[in-house]
Structure formats: structure tokens, C-alpha cells
Amino acid sequence: MSASSVQDEVAAIVANDRKVTESEIETAFDKLPALPLDFLHGEWKGGVFNTGHPGRDRLTEMDWLGKNFHSTEDVDPIVVSKDGKRECDENWGHAILREMRYRGLVSTAMIYNDHAIIDHFRYVNDDLVIGAMDTKRFGDDVGVCYFYLYK
């Protein structure tokens, strides 16, 4: 499958919010191109792929809206709805962006300042990226929480 057809498939999954397996998203993630370090700027809305991962429920409970990218050195990793406005959830602190190798490809990663979480990103299109949340926060055997950010 070509990168463009994988990109179209991922965009369709996001648009329909259909149930997918972690394996399906992982396969697509591995075929997508790297995300340049300077790509993520401004406010991005977020969603979590419906794989059954407990991270989806947790982020929904938090009323997670997405992430704010001010610079490579200043990211609001957990933006929630408070009184109808987008606000950084200070319980989750801030983050930085770096290039890191993950699953065989060097791409943009977001490293939380105060939590053992790294989000690895791949490019889908100019308005959509997907991420893999690398953390033990949900347990050792629950798999990877795959999510997406969109404009």
C-alpha cells in the first residue's frame, strides 16, 4: 500500500470514528512519513482512535480538546475545556518537541516535562497527524494509545 493510500485510509478512519484494532493503526503508523520538527504550531484539536485502549476513556473523561504548540520548547500537551474555553491542564504541565527514533523512523516526538510520557508523531496531511503515546501510565500490557490531531 502506498503512503498516499495509507494517508487516505487514516483520514477516513478519523472522519468516521470507526472501531479499529491497535494492529491496524500500528501498521498504518509505520507506513506514514515522518513529521518535520517545525510542523506543529498553534492550536490542534485531538481525538483518540477507537481501539479499546483505556487512554481513550481517560482523555474523554478529562474533556481533552487537543494540544497547543507555542514553540519546540513550549507545548501544552493536555488542553481541556474549562468554562467553554481551551485551557492547558496544569496537572499535566508542559512539554518540548524533539526528533526521536521510534519504530524505525526519526520523526517529531513530544516529551512531557513532568510525566513519563512521549508522544511520537507521523504526518497524514497538512491538517492531520497521528500520534503514538509511549507510556506505562495505563499498565504494561494494554498496548499503545494511538491518537490524532487535526486543524
Protein backbone atom coordinates (compact mmCIF):
# COMPACT_ATOMS: atom_id res chain seq x y z
CA MET A 1 0.00 0.00 0.00
CA SER A 2 1.40 3.40 -0.97
CA ALA A 3 1.89 6.18 1.56
CA SER A 4 -0.90 8.23 -0.06
CA SER A 5 -3.42 5.37 0.20
CA VAL A 6 -2.42 4.83 3.85
CA GLN A 7 -2.91 8.55 4.44
CA ASP A 8 -6.37 8.36 2.81
CA GLU A 9 -7.25 5.31 4.92
CA VAL A 10 -6.21 7.02 8.18
CA ALA A 11 -8.16 10.16 7.25
CA ALA A 12 -11.26 8.01 6.59
CA ILE A 13 -10.92 6.23 9.96
CA VAL A 14 -10.71 9.62 11.70
CA ALA A 15 -13.69 11.02 9.77
CA ASN A 16 -15.90 8.02 10.63
CA ASP A 17 -14.56 7.34 14.16
CA ARG A 18 -14.93 3.65 13.39
CA LYS A 19 -13.64 0.90 15.68
CA VAL A 20 -10.20 -0.32 14.62
CA THR A 21 -7.66 -2.68 16.08
CA GLU A 22 -4.40 -1.45 17.53
CA SER A 23 -2.68 -3.61 14.91
CA GLU A 24 -4.45 -1.75 12.06
CA ILE A 25 -3.40 1.65 13.38
CA GLU A 26 0.12 0.44 14.15
CA THR A 27 0.51 -0.85 10.58
CA ALA A 28 -0.69 2.47 9.16
CA PHE A 29 1.50 4.44 11.60
CA ASP A 30 4.58 2.51 10.46
CA LYS A 31 3.87 3.34 6.79
CA LEU A 32 3.32 7.05 7.27
CA PRO A 33 6.07 9.60 6.65
CA ALA A 34 8.00 11.39 9.38
CA LEU A 35 6.67 14.66 10.74
CA PRO A 36 9.16 17.55 10.47
CA LEU A 37 10.10 19.15 13.79
CA ASP A 38 8.83 22.58 12.73
CA PHE A 39 5.41 21.35 11.51
CA LEU A 40 3.33 21.63 14.69
CA HIS A 41 2.37 25.22 15.50
CA GLY A 42 -0.71 26.72 17.10
CA GLU A 43 -3.84 25.02 18.36
CA TRP A 44 -4.62 21.45 17.29
CA LYS A 45 -7.81 19.60 18.15
CA GLY A 46 -7.48 16.00 19.28
CA GLY A 47 -9.17 12.63 19.20
CA VAL A 48 -8.28 9.07 20.15
CA PHE A 49 -8.61 6.07 17.85
CA ASN A 50 -11.31 3.66 18.97
CA THR A 51 -9.08 0.62 19.65
CA GLY A 52 -10.40 -0.16 23.13
CA HIS A 53 -7.32 1.35 24.80
CA PRO A 54 -8.13 2.81 28.27
CA GLY A 55 -6.43 6.07 27.26
CA ARG A 56 -9.45 6.94 25.11
CA ASP A 57 -11.79 6.79 28.11
CA ARG A 58 -9.35 8.70 30.32
CA LEU A 59 -8.93 11.55 27.82
CA THR A 60 -12.69 11.69 27.22
CA GLU A 61 -13.31 11.95 30.99
CA MET A 62 -10.84 14.85 31.13
CA ASP A 63 -12.72 16.63 28.31
CA TRP A 64 -9.47 16.64 26.31
CA LEU A 65 -9.62 19.00 23.35
CA GLY A 66 -6.10 18.72 21.93
CA LYS A 67 -2.68 20.34 22.23
CA ASN A 68 -1.24 23.86 21.85
CA PHE A 69 2.17 24.20 20.23
CA HIS A 70 3.74 27.56 21.09
CA SER A 71 7.29 26.55 20.05
CA THR A 72 9.53 23.48 20.15
CA GLU A 73 10.35 24.44 23.74
CA ASP A 74 6.81 25.22 24.91
CA VAL A 75 3.88 22.86 24.34
CA ASP A 76 0.62 22.50 26.26
CA PRO A 77 0.23 18.70 25.96
CA ILE A 78 -3.20 18.40 27.56
CA VAL A 79 -5.66 21.13 26.62
CA VAL A 80 -9.13 20.73 28.11
CA SER A 81 -12.42 22.59 28.05
CA LYS A 82 -12.92 24.87 31.08
CA ASP A 83 -15.90 27.19 31.08
CA GLY A 84 -16.19 26.76 27.30
CA LYS A 85 -12.57 27.77 26.64
CA ARG A 86 -9.43 25.87 25.70
CA GLU A 87 -7.07 25.79 28.68
CA CYS A 88 -3.87 23.95 29.47
CA ASP A 89 -4.44 21.40 32.24
CA GLU A 90 -1.58 22.38 34.54
CA ASN A 91 -1.76 18.98 36.27
CA TRP A 92 -0.06 17.66 33.13
CA GLY A 93 2.43 20.51 32.88
CA HIS A 94 4.16 21.32 29.65
CA ALA A 95 6.29 19.56 27.06
CA ILE A 96 9.01 20.01 24.45
CA LEU A 97 9.41 18.74 20.89
CA ARG A 98 12.44 16.78 19.70
CA GLU A 99 13.36 14.46 16.85
CA MET A 100 13.46 10.85 18.05
CA ARG A 101 13.63 7.40 16.52
CA TYR A 102 10.51 5.31 17.14
CA ARG A 103 9.54 2.13 15.32
CA GLY A 104 12.44 2.61 12.90
CA LEU A 105 11.84 6.21 11.82
CA VAL A 106 13.17 9.53 13.10
CA SER A 107 10.22 11.89 13.48
CA THR A 108 8.89 14.58 15.82
CA ALA A 109 8.23 13.49 19.39
CA MET A 110 6.68 15.42 22.25
CA ILE A 111 8.28 14.79 25.65
CA TYR A 112 6.30 15.73 28.75
CA ASN A 113 8.35 17.76 31.24
CA ASP A 114 6.87 16.21 34.39
CA HIS A 115 5.47 12.83 33.32
CA ALA A 116 6.95 9.67 31.83
CA ILE A 117 5.14 10.12 28.50
CA ILE A 118 6.47 10.56 24.98
CA ASP A 119 4.09 11.14 22.06
CA HIS A 120 5.55 10.12 18.68
CA PHE A 121 4.03 11.72 15.58
CA ARG A 122 3.58 10.83 11.90
CA TYR A 123 2.34 13.00 9.04
CA VAL A 124 -1.02 12.23 7.41
CA ASN A 125 -1.77 15.52 5.64
CA ASP A 126 -1.37 19.25 6.29
CA ASP A 127 -4.37 19.22 8.63
CA LEU A 128 -3.99 15.80 10.28
CA VAL A 129 -1.23 13.96 12.16
CA ILE A 130 -1.37 10.80 14.23
CA GLY A 131 0.44 10.04 17.43
CA ALA A 132 1.52 7.05 19.49
CA MET A 133 1.54 7.67 23.24
CA ASP A 134 4.55 5.83 24.67
CA THR A 135 3.96 5.39 28.42
CA LYS A 136 3.49 2.82 31.17
CA ARG A 137 0.79 5.02 32.76
CA PHE A 138 -2.03 2.65 31.73
CA GLY A 139 -0.14 -0.55 32.60
CA ASP A 140 2.48 -2.76 30.98
CA ASP A 141 0.20 -4.86 28.80
CA VAL A 142 -2.50 -2.55 27.43
CA GLY A 143 -0.65 -1.60 24.25
CA VAL A 144 -0.11 1.80 22.69
CA CYS A 145 -2.67 4.59 22.81
CA TYR A 146 -2.97 5.93 19.25
CA PHE A 147 -4.48 9.38 18.81
CA TYR A 148 -4.77 12.08 16.18
CA LEU A 149 -4.51 15.85 15.99
CA TYR A 150 -6.30 17.93 13.38
CA LYS A 151 -6.77 21.56 12.36
